Amino acid sequence: MMKSLKERSEDMKQLLKDLKKMIKQGWHKAKGIGKKKEEEIHLGYRRTMF
């Protein structure tokens, strides 16, 4: 069965939240500040698209 558009956008939001959590935990440990800033910019850009 197809999900409604609203349900699908909720799923997307949840996915993004989980992704952000993973990125935060992973990147902050593994990468330097420059890389972290890059990620924040990417996330900000993505957020404006949704």
PDB file of N, CA and C in Angstrom:
ATOM      1  N   MET A   1       0.829  -1.212   0.000  1.00  0.00           N
ATOM      2  CA  MET A   1       0.000   0.000   0.000  1.00  0.00           C
ATOM      3  C   MET A   1       0.861   1.259   0.000  1.00  0.00           C
ATOM      4  N   MET A   2       0.404   2.266  -0.704  1.00  0.00           N
ATOM      5  CA  MET A   2       1.147   3.522  -0.743  1.00  0.00           C
ATOM      6  C   MET A   2       0.875   4.332   0.510  1.00  0.00           C
ATOM      7  N   LYS A   3       1.913   4.948   1.009  1.00  0.00           N
ATOM      8  CA  LYS A   3       1.735   5.846   2.147  1.00  0.00           C
ATOM      9  C   LYS A   3       1.272   7.197   1.636  1.00  0.00           C
ATOM     10  N   SER A   4       0.526   7.882   2.466  1.00  0.00           N
ATOM     11  CA  SER A   4       0.130   9.233   2.089  1.00  0.00           C
ATOM     12  C   SER A   4       1.358  10.134   2.120  1.00  0.00           C
ATOM     13  N   LEU A   5       1.242  11.274   1.465  1.00  0.00           N
ATOM     14  CA  LEU A   5       2.354  12.218   1.400  1.00  0.00           C
ATOM     15  C   LEU A   5       2.771  12.662   2.793  1.00  0.00           C
ATOM     16  N   LYS A   6       1.783  12.872   3.648  1.00  0.00           N
ATOM     17  CA  LYS A   6       2.081  13.327   5.008  1.00  0.00           C
ATOM     18  C   LYS A   6       2.888  12.278   5.770  1.00  0.00           C
ATOM     19  N   GLU A   7       2.444  11.032   5.685  1.00  0.00           N
ATOM     20  CA  GLU A   7       3.163   9.943   6.358  1.00  0.00           C
ATOM     21  C   GLU A   7       4.595   9.846   5.846  1.00  0.00           C
ATOM     22  N   ARG A   8       4.737   9.991   4.535  1.00  0.00           N
ATOM     23  CA  ARG A   8       6.054   9.871   3.938  1.00  0.00           C
ATOM     24  C   ARG A   8       6.978  10.987   4.421  1.00  0.00           C
ATOM     25  N   SER A   9       6.454  12.208   4.528  1.00  0.00           N
ATOM     26  CA  SER A   9       7.297  13.311   4.975  1.00  0.00           C
ATOM     27  C   SER A   9       7.670  13.142   6.443  1.00  0.00           C
ATOM     28  N   GLU A  10       6.775  12.536   7.229  1.00  0.00           N
ATOM     29  CA  GLU A  10       7.111  12.237   8.626  1.00  0.00           C
ATOM     30  C   GLU A  10       8.258  11.232   8.686  1.00  0.00           C
ATOM     31  N   ASP A  11       8.182  10.206   7.840  1.00  0.00           N
ATOM     32  CA  ASP A  11       9.258   9.210   7.769  1.00  0.00           C
ATOM     33  C   ASP A  11      10.583   9.876   7.415  1.00  0.00           C
ATOM     34  N   MET A  12      10.534  10.782   6.435  1.00  0.00           N
ATOM     35  CA  MET A  12      11.740  11.484   6.014  1.00  0.00           C
ATOM     36  C   MET A  12      12.327  12.298   7.162  1.00  0.00           C
ATOM     37  N   LYS A  13      11.455  12.998   7.891  1.00  0.00           N
ATOM     38  CA  LYS A  13      11.922  13.797   9.027  1.00  0.00           C
ATOM     39  C   LYS A  13      12.610  12.916  10.056  1.00  0.00           C
ATOM     40  N   GLN A  14      12.014  11.764  10.338  1.00  0.00           N
ATOM     41  CA  GLN A  14      12.585  10.845  11.318  1.00  0.00           C
ATOM     42  C   GLN A  14      13.946  10.339  10.836  1.00  0.00           C
ATOM     43  N   LEU A  15      14.019   9.984   9.555  1.00  0.00           N
ATOM     44  CA  LEU A  15      15.280   9.532   8.978  1.00  0.00           C
ATOM     45  C   LEU A  15      16.360  10.590   9.110  1.00  0.00           C
ATOM     46  N   LEU A  16      15.999  11.831   8.791  1.00  0.00           N
ATOM     47  CA  LEU A  16      16.961  12.926   8.884  1.00  0.00           C
ATOM     48  C   LEU A  16      17.441  13.109  10.311  1.00  0.00           C
ATOM     49  N   LYS A  17      16.508  13.013  11.268  1.00  0.00           N
ATOM     50  CA  LYS A  17      16.883  13.145  12.680  1.00  0.00           C
ATOM     51  C   LYS A  17      17.910  12.090  13.053  1.00  0.00           C
ATOM     52  N   ASP A  18      17.623  10.834  12.668  1.00  0.00           N
ATOM     53  CA  ASP A  18      18.535   9.734  12.981  1.00  0.00           C
ATOM     54  C   ASP A  18      19.895   9.957  12.326  1.00  0.00           C
ATOM     55  N   LEU A  19      19.862  10.401  11.067  1.00  0.00           N
ATOM     56  CA  LEU A  19      21.100  10.670  10.343  1.00  0.00           C
ATOM     57  C   LEU A  19      21.925  11.734  11.043  1.00  0.00           C
ATOM     58  N   LYS A  20      21.248  12.813  11.438  1.00  0.00           N
ATOM     59  CA  LYS A  20      21.949  13.909  12.111  1.00  0.00           C
ATOM     60  C   LYS A  20      22.606  13.426  13.389  1.00  0.00           C
ATOM     61  N   LYS A  21      21.883  12.597  14.138  1.00  0.00           N
ATOM     62  CA  LYS A  21      22.436  12.052  15.383  1.00  0.00           C
ATOM     63  C   LYS A  21      23.708  11.260  15.089  1.00  0.00           C
ATOM     64  N   MET A  22      23.623  10.383  14.084  1.00  0.00           N
ATOM     65  CA  MET A  22      24.765   9.559  13.717  1.00  0.00           C
ATOM     66  C   MET A  22      25.941  10.419  13.271  1.00  0.00           C
ATOM     67  N   ILE A  23      25.640  11.419  12.447  1.00  0.00           N
ATOM     68  CA  ILE A  23      26.695  12.306  11.948  1.00  0.00           C
ATOM     69  C   ILE A  23      27.349  13.042  13.108  1.00  0.00           C
ATOM     70  N   LYS A  24      26.524  13.561  14.001  1.00  0.00           N
ATOM     71  CA  LYS A  24      27.057  14.288  15.158  1.00  0.00           C
ATOM     72  C   LYS A  24      27.989  13.400  15.960  1.00  0.00           C
ATOM     73  N   GLN A  25      27.511  12.222  16.331  1.00  0.00           N
ATOM     74  CA  GLN A  25      28.302  11.320  17.166  1.00  0.00           C
ATOM     75  C   GLN A  25      29.578  10.900  16.445  1.00  0.00           C
ATOM     76  N   GLY A  26      29.437  10.524  15.182  1.00  0.00           N
ATOM     77  CA  GLY A  26      30.576  10.025  14.429  1.00  0.00           C
ATOM     78  C   GLY A  26      31.587  11.104  14.069  1.00  0.00           C
ATOM     79  N   TRP A  27      31.104  12.162  13.415  1.00  0.00           N
ATOM     80  CA  TRP A  27      32.007  13.192  12.909  1.00  0.00           C
ATOM     81  C   TRP A  27      32.753  13.900  14.026  1.00  0.00           C
ATOM     82  N   HIS A  28      32.056  14.252  15.096  1.00  0.00           N
ATOM     83  CA  HIS A  28      32.691  15.040  16.142  1.00  0.00           C
ATOM     84  C   HIS A  28      33.873  14.296  16.732  1.00  0.00           C
ATOM     85  N   LYS A  29      33.747  12.983  16.828  1.00  0.00           N
ATOM     86  CA  LYS A  29      34.855  12.185  17.347  1.00  0.00           C
ATOM     87  C   LYS A  29      35.948  12.024  16.293  1.00  0.00           C
ATOM     88  N   ALA A  30      35.541  11.705  15.084  1.00  0.00           N
ATOM     89  CA  ALA A  30      36.506  11.257  14.080  1.00  0.00           C
ATOM     90  C   ALA A  30      37.206  12.395  13.341  1.00  0.00           C
ATOM     91  N   LYS A  31      36.515  13.515  13.156  1.00  0.00           N
ATOM     92  CA  LYS A  31      37.038  14.553  12.269  1.00  0.00           C
ATOM     93  C   LYS A  31      37.395  15.830  13.029  1.00  0.00           C
ATOM     94  N   GLY A  32      38.175  16.674  12.373  1.00  0.00           N
ATOM     95  CA  GLY A  32      38.544  17.963  12.947  1.00  0.00           C
ATOM     96  C   GLY A  32      37.429  18.981  12.812  1.00  0.00           C
ATOM     97  N   ILE A  33      37.694  20.171  13.317  1.00  0.00           N
ATOM     98  CA  ILE A  33      36.677  21.221  13.341  1.00  0.00           C
ATOM     99  C   ILE A  33      36.277  21.630  11.925  1.00  0.00           C
ATOM    100  N   GLY A  34      37.222  21.676  11.012  1.00  0.00           N
ATOM    101  CA  GLY A  34      36.923  22.064   9.633  1.00  0.00           C
ATOM    102  C   GLY A  34      35.887  21.143   9.009  1.00  0.00           C
ATOM    103  N   LYS A  35      36.074  19.844   9.226  1.00  0.00           N
ATOM    104  CA  LYS A  35      35.142  18.863   8.681  1.00  0.00           C
ATOM    105  C   LYS A  35      33.774  19.026   9.329  1.00  0.00           C
ATOM    106  N   LYS A  36      33.778  19.287  10.634  1.00  0.00           N
ATOM    107  CA  LYS A  36      32.532  19.466  11.371  1.00  0.00           C
ATOM    108  C   LYS A  36      31.748  20.642  10.789  1.00  0.00           C
ATOM    109  N   LYS A  37      32.428  21.736  10.525  1.00  0.00           N
ATOM    110  CA  LYS A  37      31.772  22.909   9.946  1.00  0.00           C
ATOM    111  C   LYS A  37      31.173  22.557   8.589  1.00  0.00           C
ATOM    112  N   GLU A  38      31.913  21.811   7.801  1.00  0.00           N
ATOM    113  CA  GLU A  38      31.422  21.383   6.495  1.00  0.00           C
ATOM    114  C   GLU A  38      30.099  20.640   6.632  1.00  0.00           C
ATOM    115  N   GLU A  39      30.039  19.719   7.598  1.00  0.00           N
ATOM    116  CA  GLU A  39      28.829  18.934   7.824  1.00  0.00           C
ATOM    117  C   GLU A  39      27.664  19.832   8.217  1.00  0.00           C
ATOM    118  N   GLU A  40      27.931  20.800   9.102  1.00  0.00           N
ATOM    119  CA  GLU A  40      26.871  21.706   9.550  1.00  0.00           C
ATOM    120  C   GLU A  40      26.294  22.474   8.374  1.00  0.00           C
ATOM    121  N   ILE A  41      27.172  22.900   7.465  1.00  0.00           N
ATOM    122  CA  ILE A  41      26.716  23.630   6.283  1.00  0.00           C
ATOM    123  C   ILE A  41      25.839  22.724   5.425  1.00  0.00           C
ATOM    124  N   HIS A  42      26.275  21.481   5.224  1.00  0.00           N
ATOM    125  CA  HIS A  42      25.493  20.522   4.437  1.00  0.00           C
ATOM    126  C   HIS A  42      24.126  20.297   5.068  1.00  0.00           C
ATOM    127  N   LEU A  43      24.093  20.121   6.385  1.00  0.00           N
ATOM    128  CA  LEU A  43      22.829  19.876   7.079  1.00  0.00           C
ATOM    129  C   LEU A  43      21.922  21.085   6.968  1.00  0.00           C
ATOM    130  N   GLY A  44      22.490  22.266   7.108  1.00  0.00           N
ATOM    131  CA  GLY A  44      21.707  23.489   6.987  1.00  0.00           C
ATOM    132  C   GLY A  44      21.102  23.608   5.602  1.00  0.00           C
ATOM    133  N   TYR A  45      21.877  23.266   4.590  1.00  0.00           N
ATOM    134  CA  TYR A  45      21.421  23.330   3.211  1.00  0.00           C
ATOM    135  C   TYR A  45      20.286  22.349   2.986  1.00  0.00           C
ATOM    136  N   ARG A  46      20.452  21.134   3.500  1.00  0.00           N
ATOM    137  CA  ARG A  46      19.415  20.117   3.345  1.00  0.00           C
ATOM    138  C   ARG A  46      18.134  20.536   4.045  1.00  0.00           C
ATOM    139  N   ARG A  47      18.298  21.126   5.226  1.00  0.00           N
ATOM    140  CA  ARG A  47      17.134  21.514   6.017  1.00  0.00           C
ATOM    141  C   ARG A  47      16.274  22.522   5.250  1.00  0.00           C
ATOM    142  N   THR A  48      16.918  23.422   4.494  1.00  0.00           N
ATOM    143  CA  THR A  48      16.152  24.421   3.756  1.00  0.00           C
ATOM    144  C   THR A  48      15.367  23.780   2.620  1.00  0.00           C
ATOM    145  N   MET A  49      15.818  22.621   2.146  1.00  0.00           N
ATOM    146  CA  MET A  49      15.130  21.957   1.041  1.00  0.00           C
ATOM    147  C   MET A  49      13.865  21.233   1.495  1.00  0.00           C
ATOM    148  N   PHE A  50      13.776  20.907   2.788  1.00  0.00           N
ATOM    149  CA  PHE A  50      12.625  20.147   3.268  1.00  0.00           C
ATOM    150  C   PHE A  50      11.525  21.031   3.796  1.00  0.00           C
TER     151      PHE A  50
END
